[in-house]
Amino acid sequence: MPPSARAAIACNSTPTPWEAIRHFVRVVEETAPVAQQQFTDRFFDVGEAAEHLELVDPAYAPPRAAG
């Protein structure tokens, strides 16, 4: 028997619209668990071996100086 699956979705303290719930369900359905596990394994391998680790979201990071 496969293990049971559980999911949690973020809901505000106010009523959550059905469209937001549909969005979360679509995201969960499109998740590739094997690829996600491979990414996680690599992330922690690199992170544990690094002397310094900096996580940057390019959408919010200021441009870096050339040099």
PDB file of N, CA and C in Angstrom:
ATOM      1  N   MET A   1       0.844  -1.172   0.000  1.00  0.00           N
ATOM      2  CA  MET A   1       0.000   0.000   0.000  1.00  0.00           C
ATOM      3  C   MET A   1       0.897   1.246   0.000  1.00  0.00           C
ATOM      4  N   PRO A   2       0.636   2.204  -0.901  1.00  0.00           N
ATOM      5  CA  PRO A   2       1.464   3.413  -0.938  1.00  0.00           C
ATOM      6  C   PRO A   2       1.227   4.264   0.303  1.00  0.00           C
ATOM      7  N   PRO A   3       2.231   5.042   0.678  1.00  0.00           N
ATOM      8  CA  PRO A   3       2.042   5.917   1.836  1.00  0.00           C
ATOM      9  C   PRO A   3       0.965   6.961   1.544  1.00  0.00           C
ATOM     10  N   SER A   4       0.315   7.409   2.580  1.00  0.00           N
ATOM     11  CA  SER A   4      -0.726   8.413   2.381  1.00  0.00           C
ATOM     12  C   SER A   4      -0.086   9.753   2.050  1.00  0.00           C
ATOM     13  N   ALA A   5      -0.803  10.546   1.327  1.00  0.00           N
ATOM     14  CA  ALA A   5      -0.307  11.868   0.948  1.00  0.00           C
ATOM     15  C   ALA A   5      -1.093  12.917   1.717  1.00  0.00           C
ATOM     16  N   ARG A   6      -0.401  13.920   2.158  1.00  0.00           N
ATOM     17  CA  ARG A   6      -1.046  15.018   2.857  1.00  0.00           C
ATOM     18  C   ARG A   6      -0.561  16.321   2.243  1.00  0.00           C
ATOM     19  N   ALA A   7      -1.407  17.307   2.274  1.00  0.00           N
ATOM     20  CA  ALA A   7      -1.027  18.620   1.763  1.00  0.00           C
ATOM     21  C   ALA A   7      -1.613  19.683   2.671  1.00  0.00           C
ATOM     22  N   ALA A   8      -0.923  20.774   2.749  1.00  0.00           N
ATOM     23  CA  ALA A   8      -1.413  21.934   3.483  1.00  0.00           C
ATOM     24  C   ALA A   8      -1.381  23.118   2.548  1.00  0.00           C
ATOM     25  N   ILE A   9      -2.391  23.934   2.611  1.00  0.00           N
ATOM     26  CA  ILE A   9      -2.388  25.130   1.785  1.00  0.00           C
ATOM     27  C   ILE A   9      -2.497  26.352   2.685  1.00  0.00           C
ATOM     28  N   ALA A  10      -1.874  27.407   2.224  1.00  0.00           N
ATOM     29  CA  ALA A  10      -1.909  28.652   2.984  1.00  0.00           C
ATOM     30  C   ALA A  10      -3.273  29.309   2.815  1.00  0.00           C
ATOM     31  N   CYS A  11      -3.893  29.627   3.926  1.00  0.00           N
ATOM     32  CA  CYS A  11      -5.169  30.331   3.901  1.00  0.00           C
ATOM     33  C   CYS A  11      -5.070  31.535   4.827  1.00  0.00           C
ATOM     34  N   ASN A  12      -5.677  32.598   4.421  1.00  0.00           N
ATOM     35  CA  ASN A  12      -5.685  33.804   5.245  1.00  0.00           C
ATOM     36  C   ASN A  12      -6.651  33.631   6.406  1.00  0.00           C
ATOM     37  N   SER A  13      -6.636  34.593   7.312  1.00  0.00           N
ATOM     38  CA  SER A  13      -7.585  34.543   8.426  1.00  0.00           C
ATOM     39  C   SER A  13      -8.979  34.928   7.943  1.00  0.00           C
ATOM     40  N   THR A  14      -9.057  35.448   6.725  1.00  0.00           N
ATOM     41  CA  THR A  14     -10.351  35.758   6.116  1.00  0.00           C
ATOM     42  C   THR A  14     -10.692  34.618   5.161  1.00  0.00           C
ATOM     43  N   PRO A  15     -11.929  34.539   4.707  1.00  0.00           N
ATOM     44  CA  PRO A  15     -12.295  33.443   3.797  1.00  0.00           C
ATOM     45  C   PRO A  15     -11.375  33.381   2.574  1.00  0.00           C
ATOM     46  N   THR A  16     -10.996  32.176   2.190  1.00  0.00           N
ATOM     47  CA  THR A  16     -10.128  31.963   1.027  1.00  0.00           C
ATOM     48  C   THR A  16     -11.003  31.698  -0.194  1.00  0.00           C
ATOM     49  N   PRO A  17     -10.790  32.470  -1.262  1.00  0.00           N
ATOM     50  CA  PRO A  17     -11.612  32.267  -2.458  1.00  0.00           C
ATOM     51  C   PRO A  17     -11.341  30.904  -3.099  1.00  0.00           C
ATOM     52  N   TRP A  18     -12.351  30.356  -3.759  1.00  0.00           N
ATOM     53  CA  TRP A  18     -12.210  29.055  -4.414  1.00  0.00           C
ATOM     54  C   TRP A  18     -11.117  29.082  -5.468  1.00  0.00           C
ATOM     55  N   GLU A  19     -10.942  30.223  -6.153  1.00  0.00           N
ATOM     56  CA  GLU A  19      -9.896  30.296  -7.175  1.00  0.00           C
ATOM     57  C   GLU A  19      -8.516  30.099  -6.561  1.00  0.00           C
ATOM     58  N   ALA A  20      -8.299  30.589  -5.359  1.00  0.00           N
ATOM     59  CA  ALA A  20      -7.012  30.387  -4.680  1.00  0.00           C
ATOM     60  C   ALA A  20      -6.819  28.910  -4.343  1.00  0.00           C
ATOM     61  N   ILE A  21      -7.864  28.250  -3.917  1.00  0.00           N
ATOM     62  CA  ILE A  21      -7.772  26.820  -3.609  1.00  0.00           C
ATOM     63  C   ILE A  21      -7.516  26.030  -4.889  1.00  0.00           C
ATOM     64  N   ARG A  22      -8.198  26.391  -5.979  1.00  0.00           N
ATOM     65  CA  ARG A  22      -7.961  25.717  -7.270  1.00  0.00           C
ATOM     66  C   ARG A  22      -6.505  25.902  -7.711  1.00  0.00           C
ATOM     67  N   HIS A  23      -5.969  27.099  -7.500  1.00  0.00           N
ATOM     68  CA  HIS A  23      -4.567  27.354  -7.845  1.00  0.00           C
ATOM     69  C   HIS A  23      -3.647  26.405  -7.083  1.00  0.00           C
ATOM     70  N   PHE A  24      -3.820  26.284  -5.775  1.00  0.00           N
ATOM     71  CA  PHE A  24      -2.973  25.401  -4.972  1.00  0.00           C
ATOM     72  C   PHE A  24      -3.096  23.951  -5.434  1.00  0.00           C
ATOM     73  N   VAL A  25      -4.310  23.521  -5.747  1.00  0.00           N
ATOM     74  CA  VAL A  25      -4.504  22.139  -6.210  1.00  0.00           C
ATOM     75  C   VAL A  25      -3.781  21.916  -7.531  1.00  0.00           C
ATOM     76  N   ARG A  26      -3.867  22.879  -8.476  1.00  0.00           N
ATOM     77  CA  ARG A  26      -3.157  22.744  -9.759  1.00  0.00           C
ATOM     78  C   ARG A  26      -1.651  22.655  -9.541  1.00  0.00           C
ATOM     79  N   VAL A  27      -1.115  23.479  -8.656  1.00  0.00           N
ATOM     80  CA  VAL A  27       0.322  23.454  -8.387  1.00  0.00           C
ATOM     81  C   VAL A  27       0.738  22.098  -7.832  1.00  0.00           C
ATOM     82  N   VAL A  28      -0.034  21.557  -6.898  1.00  0.00           N
ATOM     83  CA  VAL A  28       0.289  20.252  -6.314  1.00  0.00           C
ATOM     84  C   VAL A  28       0.206  19.160  -7.378  1.00  0.00           C
ATOM     85  N   GLU A  29      -0.807  19.223  -8.228  1.00  0.00           N
ATOM     86  CA  GLU A  29      -0.959  18.207  -9.271  1.00  0.00           C
ATOM     87  C   GLU A  29       0.196  18.241 -10.272  1.00  0.00           C
ATOM     88  N   GLU A  30       0.790  19.410 -10.496  1.00  0.00           N
ATOM     89  CA  GLU A  30       1.861  19.547 -11.482  1.00  0.00           C
ATOM     90  C   GLU A  30       3.250  19.337 -10.893  1.00  0.00           C
ATOM     91  N   THR A  31       3.323  19.055  -9.611  1.00  0.00           N
ATOM     92  CA  THR A  31       4.608  18.850  -8.952  1.00  0.00           C
ATOM     93  C   THR A  31       5.209  17.520  -9.387  1.00  0.00           C
ATOM     94  N   ALA A  32       6.479  17.540  -9.750  1.00  0.00           N
ATOM     95  CA  ALA A  32       7.199  16.329 -10.135  1.00  0.00           C
ATOM     96  C   ALA A  32       8.030  15.889  -8.926  1.00  0.00           C
ATOM     97  N   PRO A  33       7.555  14.921  -8.139  1.00  0.00           N
ATOM     98  CA  PRO A  33       8.241  14.567  -6.897  1.00  0.00           C
ATOM     99  C   PRO A  33       9.674  14.081  -7.091  1.00  0.00           C
ATOM    100  N   VAL A  34       9.971  13.357  -8.154  1.00  0.00           N
ATOM    101  CA  VAL A  34      11.337  12.863  -8.367  1.00  0.00           C
ATOM    102  C   VAL A  34      12.275  14.036  -8.644  1.00  0.00           C
ATOM    103  N   ALA A  35      11.857  14.952  -9.522  1.00  0.00           N
ATOM    104  CA  ALA A  35      12.679  16.126  -9.819  1.00  0.00           C
ATOM    105  C   ALA A  35      12.846  16.989  -8.572  1.00  0.00           C
ATOM    106  N   GLN A  36      11.801  17.106  -7.791  1.00  0.00           N
ATOM    107  CA  GLN A  36      11.875  17.892  -6.567  1.00  0.00           C
ATOM    108  C   GLN A  36      12.863  17.267  -5.580  1.00  0.00           C
ATOM    109  N   GLN A  37      12.854  15.958  -5.464  1.00  0.00           N
ATOM    110  CA  GLN A  37      13.786  15.269  -4.561  1.00  0.00           C
ATOM    111  C   GLN A  37      15.222  15.423  -5.052  1.00  0.00           C
ATOM    112  N   GLN A  38      15.430  15.325  -6.369  1.00  0.00           N
ATOM    113  CA  GLN A  38      16.773  15.495  -6.929  1.00  0.00           C
ATOM    114  C   GLN A  38      17.296  16.906  -6.664  1.00  0.00           C
ATOM    115  N   PHE A  39      16.447  17.903  -6.852  1.00  0.00           N
ATOM    116  CA  PHE A  39      16.836  19.280  -6.583  1.00  0.00           C
ATOM    117  C   PHE A  39      17.190  19.454  -5.105  1.00  0.00           C
ATOM    118  N   THR A  40      16.356  18.915  -4.231  1.00  0.00           N
ATOM    119  CA  THR A  40      16.583  19.031  -2.790  1.00  0.00           C
ATOM    120  C   THR A  40      17.889  18.364  -2.388  1.00  0.00           C
ATOM    121  N   ASP A  41      18.151  17.174  -2.912  1.00  0.00           N
ATOM    122  CA  ASP A  41      19.399  16.470  -2.593  1.00  0.00           C
ATOM    123  C   ASP A  41      20.608  17.294  -3.025  1.00  0.00           C
ATOM    124  N   ARG A  42      20.563  17.835  -4.253  1.00  0.00           N
ATOM    125  CA  ARG A  42      21.676  18.649  -4.739  1.00  0.00           C
ATOM    126  C   ARG A  42      21.830  19.914  -3.917  1.00  0.00           C
ATOM    127  N   PHE A  43      20.734  20.565  -3.604  1.00  0.00           N
ATOM    128  CA  PHE A  43      20.763  21.794  -2.815  1.00  0.00           C
ATOM    129  C   PHE A  43      21.463  21.561  -1.479  1.00  0.00           C
ATOM    130  N   PHE A  44      21.084  20.506  -0.774  1.00  0.00           N
ATOM    131  CA  PHE A  44      21.692  20.253   0.531  1.00  0.00           C
ATOM    132  C   PHE A  44      23.125  19.755   0.418  1.00  0.00           C
ATOM    133  N   ASP A  45      23.443  18.998  -0.633  1.00  0.00           N
ATOM    134  CA  ASP A  45      24.838  18.586  -0.846  1.00  0.00           C
ATOM    135  C   ASP A  45      25.733  19.811  -1.039  1.00  0.00           C
ATOM    136  N   VAL A  46      25.295  20.726  -1.895  1.00  0.00           N
ATOM    137  CA  VAL A  46      26.065  21.941  -2.159  1.00  0.00           C
ATOM    138  C   VAL A  46      26.123  22.813  -0.905  1.00  0.00           C
ATOM    139  N   GLY A  47      24.995  22.986  -0.255  1.00  0.00           N
ATOM    140  CA  GLY A  47      24.935  23.828   0.940  1.00  0.00           C
ATOM    141  C   GLY A  47      25.801  23.320   2.077  1.00  0.00           C
ATOM    142  N   GLU A  48      25.779  22.022   2.307  1.00  0.00           N
ATOM    143  CA  GLU A  48      26.578  21.455   3.397  1.00  0.00           C
ATOM    144  C   GLU A  48      28.073  21.540   3.107  1.00  0.00           C
ATOM    145  N   ALA A  49      28.459  21.514   1.829  1.00  0.00           N
ATOM    146  CA  ALA A  49      29.873  21.554   1.467  1.00  0.00           C
ATOM    147  C   ALA A  49      30.408  22.984   1.352  1.00  0.00           C
ATOM    148  N   ALA A  50      29.530  23.951   1.329  1.00  0.00           N
ATOM    149  CA  ALA A  50      29.945  25.339   1.102  1.00  0.00           C
ATOM    150  C   ALA A  50      30.398  26.011   2.400  1.00  0.00           C
ATOM    151  N   GLU A  51      31.393  26.856   2.255  1.00  0.00           N
ATOM    152  CA  GLU A  51      31.822  27.678   3.389  1.00  0.00           C
ATOM    153  C   GLU A  51      30.846  28.835   3.576  1.00  0.00           C
ATOM    154  N   HIS A  52      30.297  29.306   2.475  1.00  0.00           N
ATOM    155  CA  HIS A  52      29.378  30.439   2.492  1.00  0.00           C
ATOM    156  C   HIS A  52      28.264  30.140   1.492  1.00  0.00           C
ATOM    157  N   LEU A  53      27.031  30.388   1.864  1.00  0.00           N
ATOM    158  CA  LEU A  53      25.898  30.136   0.976  1.00  0.00           C
ATOM    159  C   LEU A  53      25.025  31.376   0.954  1.00  0.00           C
ATOM    160  N   GLU A  54      24.766  31.877  -0.237  1.00  0.00           N
ATOM    161  CA  GLU A  54      23.934  33.067  -0.394  1.00  0.00           C
ATOM    162  C   GLU A  54      22.801  32.734  -1.354  1.00  0.00           C
ATOM    163  N   LEU A  55      21.576  32.857  -0.886  1.00  0.00           N
ATOM    164  CA  LEU A  55      20.407  32.602  -1.718  1.00  0.00           C
ATOM    165  C   LEU A  55      19.888  33.948  -2.208  1.00  0.00           C
ATOM    166  N   VAL A  56      19.780  34.093  -3.514  1.00  0.00           N
ATOM    167  CA  VAL A  56      19.365  35.361  -4.106  1.00  0.00           C
ATOM    168  C   VAL A  56      18.253  35.110  -5.102  1.00  0.00           C
ATOM    169  N   ASP A  57      17.174  35.842  -4.962  1.00  0.00           N
ATOM    170  CA  ASP A  57      16.111  35.805  -5.951  1.00  0.00           C
ATOM    171  C   ASP A  57      16.389  36.934  -6.935  1.00  0.00           C
ATOM    172  N   PRO A  58      16.758  36.617  -8.173  1.00  0.00           N
ATOM    173  CA  PRO A  58      17.130  37.653  -9.136  1.00  0.00           C
ATOM    174  C   PRO A  58      16.023  38.692  -9.351  1.00  0.00           C
ATOM    175  N   ALA A  59      14.795  38.322  -9.100  1.00  0.00           N
ATOM    176  CA  ALA A  59      13.688  39.263  -9.288  1.00  0.00           C
ATOM    177  C   ALA A  59      13.774  40.422  -8.291  1.00  0.00           C
ATOM    178  N   TYR A  60      14.428  40.201  -7.153  1.00  0.00           N
ATOM    179  CA  TYR A  60      14.483  41.230  -6.117  1.00  0.00           C
ATOM    180  C   TYR A  60      15.898  41.721  -5.830  1.00  0.00           C
ATOM    181  N   ALA A  61      16.881  41.106  -6.412  1.00  0.00           N
ATOM    182  CA  ALA A  61      18.271  41.456  -6.122  1.00  0.00           C
ATOM    183  C   ALA A  61      18.688  42.688  -6.899  1.00  0.00           C
ATOM    184  N   PRO A  62      19.437  43.563  -6.251  1.00  0.00           N
ATOM    185  CA  PRO A  62      19.975  44.698  -7.008  1.00  0.00           C
ATOM    186  C   PRO A  62      21.041  44.192  -7.986  1.00  0.00           C
ATOM    187  N   PRO A  63      21.246  44.898  -9.082  1.00  0.00           N
ATOM    188  CA  PRO A  63      22.260  44.460 -10.043  1.00  0.00           C
ATOM    189  C   PRO A  63      23.649  44.445  -9.386  1.00  0.00           C
ATOM    190  N   ARG A  64      24.446  43.465  -9.739  1.00  0.00           N
ATOM    191  CA  ARG A  64      25.815  43.368  -9.197  1.00  0.00           C
ATOM    192  C   ARG A  64      26.754  44.190 -10.075  1.00  0.00           C
ATOM    193  N   ALA A  65      27.741  44.774  -9.435  1.00  0.00           N
ATOM    194  CA  ALA A  65      28.744  45.550 -10.169  1.00  0.00           C
ATOM    195  C   ALA A  65      29.611  44.612 -10.989  1.00  0.00           C
ATOM    196  N   ALA A  66      29.948  45.018 -12.184  1.00  0.00           N
ATOM    197  CA  ALA A  66      30.828  44.213 -13.042  1.00  0.00           C
ATOM    198  C   ALA A  66      32.227  44.246 -12.479  1.00  0.00           C
ATOM    199  N   GLY A  67      32.926  43.160 -12.615  1.00  0.00           N
ATOM    200  CA  GLY A  67      34.300  43.200 -12.129  1.00  0.00           C
ATOM    201  C   GLY A  67      34.830  41.912 -11.849  1.00  0.00           C
TER     202      GLY A  67
END
